[in-house]
Amino acid sequence: KLKLAMSCGNAGEFIMEHVDETEGAGLGLMLCIAALKSI
């Protein structure tokens, strides 16, 4: 999920395609990556 989050430029697309339905894995990582990119 971290590898996918780093390579994905669109948060909405990432959430739709890659968030783990069991645990939500990936969403928090995408949030962290997006926040870092914002600064």
PDB file of all heavy atoms in Angstrom:
ATOM      1  N   LYS A   1       0.824  -1.207   0.000  1.00  0.00           N
ATOM      2  CA  LYS A   1       0.000   0.000   0.000  1.00  0.00           C
ATOM      3  C   LYS A   1       0.858   1.256   0.000  1.00  0.00           C
ATOM      4  O   LYS A   1       0.513   2.250  -0.651  1.00  0.00           O
ATOM      5  CB  LYS A   1      -0.930   0.005   1.212  1.00  0.00           C
ATOM      6  CG  LYS A   1      -1.946  -1.126   1.228  1.00  0.00           C
ATOM      7  CD  LYS A   1      -2.885  -1.094   0.032  1.00  0.00           C
ATOM      8  CE  LYS A   1      -3.934  -2.197   0.114  1.00  0.00           C
ATOM      9  NZ  LYS A   1      -4.814  -2.232  -1.062  1.00  0.00           N
ATOM     10  N   LEU A   2       1.990   1.219   0.703  1.00  0.00           N
ATOM     11  CA  LEU A   2       2.878   2.378   0.727  1.00  0.00           C
ATOM     12  C   LEU A   2       3.468   2.624  -0.657  1.00  0.00           C
ATOM     13  O   LEU A   2       3.544   3.770  -1.122  1.00  0.00           O
ATOM     14  CB  LEU A   2       3.987   2.149   1.750  1.00  0.00           C
ATOM     15  CG  LEU A   2       4.911   3.333   2.060  1.00  0.00           C
ATOM     16  CD1 LEU A   2       4.110   4.540   2.511  1.00  0.00           C
ATOM     17  CD2 LEU A   2       5.939   2.946   3.118  1.00  0.00           C
ATOM     18  N   LYS A   3       3.847   1.553  -1.333  1.00  0.00           N
ATOM     19  CA  LYS A   3       4.383   1.682  -2.690  1.00  0.00           C
ATOM     20  C   LYS A   3       3.328   2.261  -3.627  1.00  0.00           C
ATOM     21  O   LYS A   3       3.614   3.169  -4.429  1.00  0.00           O
ATOM     22  CB  LYS A   3       4.847   0.316  -3.190  1.00  0.00           C
ATOM     23  CG  LYS A   3       5.456   0.348  -4.586  1.00  0.00           C
ATOM     24  CD  LYS A   3       5.935  -1.044  -4.988  1.00  0.00           C
ATOM     25  CE  LYS A   3       6.531  -1.035  -6.382  1.00  0.00           C
ATOM     26  NZ  LYS A   3       7.002  -2.406  -6.785  1.00  0.00           N
ATOM     27  N   LEU A   4       2.099   1.782  -3.533  1.00  0.00           N
ATOM     28  CA  LEU A   4       1.009   2.291  -4.364  1.00  0.00           C
ATOM     29  C   LEU A   4       0.698   3.750  -4.043  1.00  0.00           C
ATOM     30  O   LEU A   4       0.473   4.567  -4.939  1.00  0.00           O
ATOM     31  CB  LEU A   4      -0.240   1.439  -4.174  1.00  0.00           C
ATOM     32  CG  LEU A   4      -0.226   0.046  -4.810  1.00  0.00           C
ATOM     33  CD1 LEU A   4      -1.389  -0.787  -4.285  1.00  0.00           C
ATOM     34  CD2 LEU A   4      -0.286   0.150  -6.334  1.00  0.00           C
ATOM     35  N   ALA A   5       0.679   4.091  -2.746  1.00  0.00           N
ATOM     36  CA  ALA A   5       0.372   5.462  -2.342  1.00  0.00           C
ATOM     37  C   ALA A   5       1.417   6.439  -2.863  1.00  0.00           C
ATOM     38  O   ALA A   5       1.101   7.552  -3.279  1.00  0.00           O
ATOM     39  CB  ALA A   5       0.288   5.552  -0.817  1.00  0.00           C
ATOM     40  N   MET A   6       2.673   6.035  -2.872  1.00  0.00           N
ATOM     41  CA  MET A   6       3.742   6.910  -3.354  1.00  0.00           C
ATOM     42  C   MET A   6       3.660   7.124  -4.860  1.00  0.00           C
ATOM     43  O   MET A   6       4.049   8.171  -5.368  1.00  0.00           O
ATOM     44  CB  MET A   6       5.101   6.322  -2.981  1.00  0.00           C
ATOM     45  CG  MET A   6       5.449   6.472  -1.513  1.00  0.00           C
ATOM     46  SD  MET A   6       7.146   5.957  -1.162  1.00  0.00           S
ATOM     47  CE  MET A   6       7.282   6.363   0.576  1.00  0.00           C
ATOM     48  N   SER A   7       3.152   6.127  -5.575  1.00  0.00           N
ATOM     49  CA  SER A   7       3.105   6.221  -7.028  1.00  0.00           C
ATOM     50  C   SER A   7       1.808   6.829  -7.550  1.00  0.00           C
ATOM     51  O   SER A   7       1.706   7.156  -8.729  1.00  0.00           O
ATOM     52  CB  SER A   7       3.294   4.837  -7.652  1.00  0.00           C
ATOM     53  OG  SER A   7       2.215   3.983  -7.292  1.00  0.00           O
ATOM     54  N   CYS A   8       0.820   6.990  -6.669  1.00  0.00           N
ATOM     55  CA  CYS A   8      -0.489   7.466  -7.096  1.00  0.00           C
ATOM     56  C   CYS A   8      -0.610   8.965  -6.852  1.00  0.00           C
ATOM     57  O   CYS A   8      -0.361   9.444  -5.752  1.00  0.00           O
ATOM     58  CB  CYS A   8      -1.586   6.716  -6.338  1.00  0.00           C
ATOM     59  SG  CYS A   8      -3.243   7.127  -6.906  1.00  0.00           S
ATOM     60  N   GLY A   9      -1.016   9.691  -7.870  1.00  0.00           N
ATOM     61  CA  GLY A   9      -1.161  11.136  -7.724  1.00  0.00           C
ATOM     62  C   GLY A   9      -2.561  11.595  -7.402  1.00  0.00           C
ATOM     63  O   GLY A   9      -2.789  12.761  -7.084  1.00  0.00           O
ATOM     64  N   ASN A  10      -3.522  10.688  -7.466  1.00  0.00           N
ATOM     65  CA  ASN A  10      -4.920  11.054  -7.254  1.00  0.00           C
ATOM     66  C   ASN A  10      -5.466  10.291  -6.051  1.00  0.00           C
ATOM     67  O   ASN A  10      -5.624   9.069  -6.095  1.00  0.00           O
ATOM     68  CB  ASN A  10      -5.742  10.707  -8.506  1.00  0.00           C
ATOM     69  CG  ASN A  10      -7.183  11.184  -8.395  1.00  0.00           C
ATOM     70  OD1 ASN A  10      -7.898  10.797  -7.483  1.00  0.00           O
ATOM     71  ND2 ASN A  10      -7.592  12.007  -9.349  1.00  0.00           N
ATOM     72  N   ALA A  11      -5.743  11.016  -4.947  1.00  0.00           N
ATOM     73  CA  ALA A  11      -6.185  10.374  -3.711  1.00  0.00           C
ATOM     74  C   ALA A  11      -7.514   9.657  -3.900  1.00  0.00           C
ATOM     75  O   ALA A  11      -7.711   8.549  -3.396  1.00  0.00           O
ATOM     76  CB  ALA A  11      -6.301  11.416  -2.598  1.00  0.00           C
ATOM     77  N   GLY A  12      -8.435  10.284  -4.621  1.00  0.00           N
ATOM     78  CA  GLY A  12      -9.740   9.660  -4.833  1.00  0.00           C
ATOM     79  C   GLY A  12      -9.623   8.354  -5.582  1.00  0.00           C
ATOM     80  O   GLY A  12     -10.268   7.356  -5.234  1.00  0.00           O
ATOM     81  N   GLU A  13      -8.801   8.343  -6.608  1.00  0.00           N
ATOM     82  CA  GLU A  13      -8.588   7.120  -7.388  1.00  0.00           C
ATOM     83  C   GLU A  13      -7.964   6.035  -6.527  1.00  0.00           C
ATOM     84  O   GLU A  13      -8.346   4.869  -6.592  1.00  0.00           O
ATOM     85  CB  GLU A  13      -7.667   7.438  -8.568  1.00  0.00           C
ATOM     86  CG  GLU A  13      -7.320   6.245  -9.430  1.00  0.00           C
ATOM     87  CD  GLU A  13      -6.334   6.617 -10.535  1.00  0.00           C
ATOM     88  OE1 GLU A  13      -6.303   7.804 -10.934  1.00  0.00           O
ATOM     89  OE2 GLU A  13      -5.603   5.718 -10.967  1.00  0.00           O
ATOM     90  N   PHE A  14      -6.989   6.429  -5.685  1.00  0.00           N
ATOM     91  CA  PHE A  14      -6.327   5.465  -4.816  1.00  0.00           C
ATOM     92  C   PHE A  14      -7.331   4.835  -3.852  1.00  0.00           C
ATOM     93  O   PHE A  14      -7.351   3.614  -3.647  1.00  0.00           O
ATOM     94  CB  PHE A  14      -5.215   6.157  -4.025  1.00  0.00           C
ATOM     95  CG  PHE A  14      -4.508   5.243  -3.059  1.00  0.00           C
ATOM     96  CD1 PHE A  14      -3.433   4.484  -3.462  1.00  0.00           C
ATOM     97  CD2 PHE A  14      -4.935   5.138  -1.742  1.00  0.00           C
ATOM     98  CE1 PHE A  14      -2.783   3.628  -2.577  1.00  0.00           C
ATOM     99  CE2 PHE A  14      -4.301   4.296  -0.852  1.00  0.00           C
ATOM    100  CZ  PHE A  14      -3.219   3.543  -1.275  1.00  0.00           C
ATOM    101  N   ILE A  15      -8.180   5.662  -3.245  1.00  0.00           N
ATOM    102  CA  ILE A  15      -9.156   5.173  -2.279  1.00  0.00           C
ATOM    103  C   ILE A  15     -10.114   4.185  -2.929  1.00  0.00           C
ATOM    104  O   ILE A  15     -10.432   3.132  -2.367  1.00  0.00           O
ATOM    105  CB  ILE A  15      -9.925   6.354  -1.656  1.00  0.00           C
ATOM    106  CG1 ILE A  15      -8.977   7.174  -0.769  1.00  0.00           C
ATOM    107  CG2 ILE A  15     -11.125   5.869  -0.845  1.00  0.00           C
ATOM    108  CD1 ILE A  15      -9.542   8.505  -0.333  1.00  0.00           C
ATOM    109  N   MET A  16     -10.573   4.497  -4.132  1.00  0.00           N
ATOM    110  CA  MET A  16     -11.531   3.628  -4.807  1.00  0.00           C
ATOM    111  C   MET A  16     -10.919   2.284  -5.192  1.00  0.00           C
ATOM    112  O   MET A  16     -11.567   1.244  -5.129  1.00  0.00           O
ATOM    113  CB  MET A  16     -12.065   4.332  -6.059  1.00  0.00           C
ATOM    114  CG  MET A  16     -12.956   5.533  -5.761  1.00  0.00           C
ATOM    115  SD  MET A  16     -14.462   5.070  -4.872  1.00  0.00           S
ATOM    116  CE  MET A  16     -15.284   4.091  -6.134  1.00  0.00           C
ATOM    117  N   GLU A  17      -9.649   2.304  -5.575  1.00  0.00           N
ATOM    118  CA  GLU A  17      -9.053   1.095  -6.154  1.00  0.00           C
ATOM    119  C   GLU A  17      -8.215   0.272  -5.185  1.00  0.00           C
ATOM    120  O   GLU A  17      -8.078  -0.945  -5.371  1.00  0.00           O
ATOM    121  CB  GLU A  17      -8.180   1.475  -7.359  1.00  0.00           C
ATOM    122  CG  GLU A  17      -8.976   2.065  -8.515  1.00  0.00           C
ATOM    123  CD  GLU A  17      -8.095   2.332  -9.725  1.00  0.00           C
ATOM    124  OE1 GLU A  17      -6.906   1.946  -9.688  1.00  0.00           O
ATOM    125  OE2 GLU A  17      -8.596   2.916 -10.705  1.00  0.00           O
ATOM    126  N   HIS A  18      -7.653   0.936  -4.131  1.00  0.00           N
ATOM    127  CA  HIS A  18      -6.625   0.233  -3.374  1.00  0.00           C
ATOM    128  C   HIS A  18      -6.860   0.124  -1.871  1.00  0.00           C
ATOM    129  O   HIS A  18      -6.087  -0.556  -1.203  1.00  0.00           O
ATOM    130  CB  HIS A  18      -5.260   0.921  -3.588  1.00  0.00           C
ATOM    131  CG  HIS A  18      -4.840   0.969  -5.020  1.00  0.00           C
ATOM    132  ND1 HIS A  18      -4.638  -0.161  -5.779  1.00  0.00           N
ATOM    133  CD2 HIS A  18      -4.597   2.029  -5.838  1.00  0.00           C
ATOM    134  CE1 HIS A  18      -4.281   0.197  -7.009  1.00  0.00           C
ATOM    135  NE2 HIS A  18      -4.254   1.505  -7.068  1.00  0.00           N
ATOM    136  N   VAL A  19      -7.872   0.770  -1.317  1.00  0.00           N
ATOM    137  CA  VAL A  19      -8.075   0.665   0.129  1.00  0.00           C
ATOM    138  C   VAL A  19      -8.587  -0.719   0.475  1.00  0.00           C
ATOM    139  O   VAL A  19      -9.531  -1.214  -0.135  1.00  0.00           O
ATOM    140  CB  VAL A  19      -9.052   1.750   0.633  1.00  0.00           C
ATOM    141  CG1 VAL A  19      -9.446   1.476   2.092  1.00  0.00           C
ATOM    142  CG2 VAL A  19      -8.402   3.121   0.536  1.00  0.00           C
ATOM    143  N   ASP A  20      -7.958  -1.340   1.459  1.00  0.00           N
ATOM    144  CA  ASP A  20      -8.312  -2.690   1.900  1.00  0.00           C
ATOM    145  C   ASP A  20      -9.673  -2.658   2.589  1.00  0.00           C
ATOM    146  O   ASP A  20      -9.875  -1.950   3.554  1.00  0.00           O
ATOM    147  CB  ASP A  20      -7.220  -3.169   2.882  1.00  0.00           C
ATOM    148  CG  ASP A  20      -7.379  -4.638   3.236  1.00  0.00           C
ATOM    149  OD1 ASP A  20      -8.495  -5.030   3.605  1.00  0.00           O
ATOM    150  OD2 ASP A  20      -6.381  -5.360   3.148  1.00  0.00           O
ATOM    151  N   GLU A  21     -10.622  -3.442   2.082  1.00  0.00           N
ATOM    152  CA  GLU A  21     -11.970  -3.424   2.634  1.00  0.00           C
ATOM    153  C   GLU A  21     -12.025  -4.001   4.043  1.00  0.00           C
ATOM    154  O   GLU A  21     -12.890  -3.650   4.840  1.00  0.00           O
ATOM    155  CB  GLU A  21     -12.919  -4.212   1.720  1.00  0.00           C
ATOM    156  CG  GLU A  21     -13.128  -3.560   0.361  1.00  0.00           C
ATOM    157  CD  GLU A  21     -14.065  -4.364  -0.513  1.00  0.00           C
ATOM    158  OE1 GLU A  21     -14.558  -5.410  -0.034  1.00  0.00           O
ATOM    159  OE2 GLU A  21     -14.310  -3.953  -1.649  1.00  0.00           O
ATOM    160  N   THR A  22     -11.106  -4.886   4.382  1.00  0.00           N
ATOM    161  CA  THR A  22     -11.128  -5.504   5.698  1.00  0.00           C
ATOM    162  C   THR A  22     -10.716  -4.522   6.779  1.00  0.00           C
ATOM    163  O   THR A  22     -11.329  -4.422   7.821  1.00  0.00           O
ATOM    164  CB  THR A  22     -10.174  -6.727   5.727  1.00  0.00           C
ATOM    165  OG1 THR A  22     -10.591  -7.638   4.727  1.00  0.00           O
ATOM    166  CG2 THR A  22     -10.189  -7.391   7.092  1.00  0.00           C
ATOM    167  N   GLU A  23      -9.652  -3.765   6.525  1.00  0.00           N
ATOM    168  CA  GLU A  23      -9.075  -2.967   7.603  1.00  0.00           C
ATOM    169  C   GLU A  23      -8.926  -1.501   7.244  1.00  0.00           C
ATOM    170  O   GLU A  23      -8.526  -0.692   8.069  1.00  0.00           O
ATOM    171  CB  GLU A  23      -7.705  -3.561   7.970  1.00  0.00           C
ATOM    172  CG  GLU A  23      -7.183  -3.113   9.296  1.00  0.00           C
ATOM    173  CD  GLU A  23      -5.963  -3.910   9.713  1.00  0.00           C
ATOM    174  OE1 GLU A  23      -5.543  -4.800   8.969  1.00  0.00           O
ATOM    175  OE2 GLU A  23      -5.437  -3.632  10.793  1.00  0.00           O
ATOM    176  N   GLY A  24      -9.228  -1.132   6.002  1.00  0.00           N
ATOM    177  CA  GLY A  24      -9.008   0.249   5.615  1.00  0.00           C
ATOM    178  C   GLY A  24      -7.542   0.551   5.358  1.00  0.00           C
ATOM    179  O   GLY A  24      -7.136   1.705   5.307  1.00  0.00           O
ATOM    180  N   ALA A  25      -6.724  -0.511   5.248  1.00  0.00           N
ATOM    181  CA  ALA A  25      -5.295  -0.316   5.042  1.00  0.00           C
ATOM    182  C   ALA A  25      -5.052   0.466   3.768  1.00  0.00           C
ATOM    183  O   ALA A  25      -5.604   0.183   2.730  1.00  0.00           O
ATOM    184  CB  ALA A  25      -4.582  -1.669   4.971  1.00  0.00           C
ATOM    185  N   GLY A  26      -4.202   1.459   3.836  1.00  0.00           N
ATOM    186  CA  GLY A  26      -3.873   2.254   2.662  1.00  0.00           C
ATOM    187  C   GLY A  26      -4.386   3.670   2.752  1.00  0.00           C
ATOM    188  O   GLY A  26      -3.726   4.593   2.304  1.00  0.00           O
ATOM    189  N   LEU A  27      -5.553   3.874   3.318  1.00  0.00           N
ATOM    190  CA  LEU A  27      -6.126   5.214   3.390  1.00  0.00           C
ATOM    191  C   LEU A  27      -5.267   6.133   4.254  1.00  0.00           C
ATOM    192  O   LEU A  27      -4.962   7.265   3.869  1.00  0.00           O
ATOM    193  CB  LEU A  27      -7.546   5.146   3.948  1.00  0.00           C
ATOM    194  CG  LEU A  27      -8.310   6.476   4.045  1.00  0.00           C
ATOM    195  CD1 LEU A  27      -8.367   7.167   2.692  1.00  0.00           C
ATOM    196  CD2 LEU A  27      -9.715   6.238   4.584  1.00  0.00           C
ATOM    197  N   GLY A  28      -4.861   5.648   5.429  1.00  0.00           N
ATOM    198  CA  GLY A  28      -4.009   6.457   6.297  1.00  0.00           C
ATOM    199  C   GLY A  28      -2.658   6.738   5.669  1.00  0.00           C
ATOM    200  O   GLY A  28      -2.114   7.839   5.798  1.00  0.00           O
ATOM    201  N   LEU A  29      -2.113   5.732   4.969  1.00  0.00           N
ATOM    202  CA  LEU A  29      -0.832   5.932   4.297  1.00  0.00           C
ATOM    203  C   LEU A  29      -0.947   6.986   3.207  1.00  0.00           C
ATOM    204  O   LEU A  29      -0.068   7.837   3.046  1.00  0.00           O
ATOM    205  CB  LEU A  29      -0.347   4.608   3.705  1.00  0.00           C
ATOM    206  CG  LEU A  29       0.032   3.518   4.704  1.00  0.00           C
ATOM    207  CD1 LEU A  29       0.375   2.228   3.973  1.00  0.00           C
ATOM    208  CD2 LEU A  29       1.203   3.959   5.571  1.00  0.00           C
ATOM    209  N   MET A  30      -2.038   6.932   2.440  1.00  0.00           N
ATOM    210  CA  MET A  30      -2.258   7.922   1.397  1.00  0.00           C
ATOM    211  C   MET A  30      -2.381   9.312   1.999  1.00  0.00           C
ATOM    212  O   MET A  30      -1.864  10.291   1.450  1.00  0.00           O
ATOM    213  CB  MET A  30      -3.523   7.576   0.610  1.00  0.00           C
ATOM    214  CG  MET A  30      -3.772   8.493  -0.579  1.00  0.00           C
ATOM    215  SD  MET A  30      -2.478   8.332  -1.852  1.00  0.00           S
ATOM    216  CE  MET A  30      -2.644   9.876  -2.729  1.00  0.00           C
ATOM    217  N   LEU A  31      -3.042   9.416   3.145  1.00  0.00           N
ATOM    218  CA  LEU A  31      -3.185  10.697   3.829  1.00  0.00           C
ATOM    219  C   LEU A  31      -1.817  11.250   4.226  1.00  0.00           C
ATOM    220  O   LEU A  31      -1.533  12.442   4.039  1.00  0.00           O
ATOM    221  CB  LEU A  31      -4.068  10.523   5.072  1.00  0.00           C
ATOM    222  CG  LEU A  31      -4.339  11.766   5.912  1.00  0.00           C
ATOM    223  CD1 LEU A  31      -5.115  12.796   5.115  1.00  0.00           C
ATOM    224  CD2 LEU A  31      -5.110  11.385   7.176  1.00  0.00           C
ATOM    225  N   CYS A  32      -0.963  10.389   4.772  1.00  0.00           N
ATOM    226  CA  CYS A  32       0.381  10.822   5.165  1.00  0.00           C
ATOM    227  C   CYS A  32       1.202  11.274   3.955  1.00  0.00           C
ATOM    228  O   CYS A  32       1.886  12.302   4.004  1.00  0.00           O
ATOM    229  CB  CYS A  32       1.099   9.695   5.902  1.00  0.00           C
ATOM    230  SG  CYS A  32       0.404   9.286   7.521  1.00  0.00           S
ATOM    231  N   ILE A  33       1.141  10.495   2.877  1.00  0.00           N
ATOM    232  CA  ILE A  33       1.892  10.843   1.669  1.00  0.00           C
ATOM    233  C   ILE A  33       1.404  12.175   1.093  1.00  0.00           C
ATOM    234  O   ILE A  33       2.202  13.039   0.715  1.00  0.00           O
ATOM    235  CB  ILE A  33       1.748   9.725   0.607  1.00  0.00           C
ATOM    236  CG1 ILE A  33       2.356   8.414   1.109  1.00  0.00           C
ATOM    237  CG2 ILE A  33       2.389  10.157  -0.710  1.00  0.00           C
ATOM    238  CD1 ILE A  33       3.811   8.479   1.441  1.00  0.00           C
ATOM    239  N   ALA A  34       0.089  12.358   1.030  1.00  0.00           N
ATOM    240  CA  ALA A  34      -0.474  13.597   0.497  1.00  0.00           C
ATOM    241  C   ALA A  34      -0.074  14.794   1.354  1.00  0.00           C
ATOM    242  O   ALA A  34       0.234  15.874   0.837  1.00  0.00           O
ATOM    243  CB  ALA A  34      -1.995  13.492   0.421  1.00  0.00           C
ATOM    244  N   ALA A  35      -0.064  14.611   2.687  1.00  0.00           N
ATOM    245  CA  ALA A  35       0.311  15.698   3.583  1.00  0.00           C
ATOM    246  C   ALA A  35       1.782  16.083   3.382  1.00  0.00           C
ATOM    247  O   ALA A  35       2.131  17.270   3.375  1.00  0.00           O
ATOM    248  CB  ALA A  35       0.058  15.299   5.035  1.00  0.00           C
ATOM    249  N   LEU A  36       2.656  15.094   3.222  1.00  0.00           N
ATOM    250  CA  LEU A  36       4.069  15.390   2.968  1.00  0.00           C
ATOM    251  C   LEU A  36       4.254  16.138   1.649  1.00  0.00           C
ATOM    252  O   LEU A  36       5.011  17.115   1.570  1.00  0.00           O
ATOM    253  CB  LEU A  36       4.887  14.101   2.964  1.00  0.00           C
ATOM    254  CG  LEU A  36       5.109  13.436   4.316  1.00  0.00           C
ATOM    255  CD1 LEU A  36       5.767  12.075   4.128  1.00  0.00           C
ATOM    256  CD2 LEU A  36       5.968  14.316   5.211  1.00  0.00           C
ATOM    257  N   LYS A  37       3.565  15.674   0.620  1.00  0.00           N
ATOM    258  CA  LYS A  37       3.667  16.342  -0.675  1.00  0.00           C
ATOM    259  C   LYS A  37       3.179  17.786  -0.600  1.00  0.00           C
ATOM    260  O   LYS A  37       3.696  18.661  -1.297  1.00  0.00           O
ATOM    261  CB  LYS A  37       2.868  15.575  -1.732  1.00  0.00           C
ATOM    262  CG  LYS A  37       3.497  14.243  -2.136  1.00  0.00           C
ATOM    263  CD  LYS A  37       2.652  13.535  -3.193  1.00  0.00           C
ATOM    264  CE  LYS A  37       3.291  12.236  -3.655  1.00  0.00           C
ATOM    265  NZ  LYS A  37       2.467  11.528  -4.674  1.00  0.00           N
ATOM    266  N   SER A  38       2.185  18.050   0.265  1.00  0.00           N
ATOM    267  CA  SER A  38       1.625  19.402   0.373  1.00  0.00           C
ATOM    268  C   SER A  38       2.635  20.402   0.933  1.00  0.00           C
ATOM    269  O   SER A  38       2.482  21.607   0.747  1.00  0.00           O
ATOM    270  CB  SER A  38       0.368  19.387   1.250  1.00  0.00           C
ATOM    271  OG  SER A  38       0.695  19.266   2.628  1.00  0.00           O
ATOM    272  N   ILE A  39       3.667  19.913   1.638  1.00  0.00           N
ATOM    273  CA  ILE A  39       4.704  20.808   2.168  1.00  0.00           C
ATOM    274  C   ILE A  39       6.037  20.567   1.462  1.00  0.00           C
ATOM    275  O   ILE A  39       7.101  20.905   1.977  1.00  0.00           O
ATOM    276  CB  ILE A  39       4.853  20.655   3.688  1.00  0.00           C
ATOM    277  CG1 ILE A  39       5.073  19.192   4.097  1.00  0.00           C
ATOM    278  CG2 ILE A  39       3.646  21.239   4.413  1.00  0.00           C
ATOM    279  CD1 ILE A  39       5.366  18.990   5.580  1.00  0.00           C
TER     280      ILE A  39
END
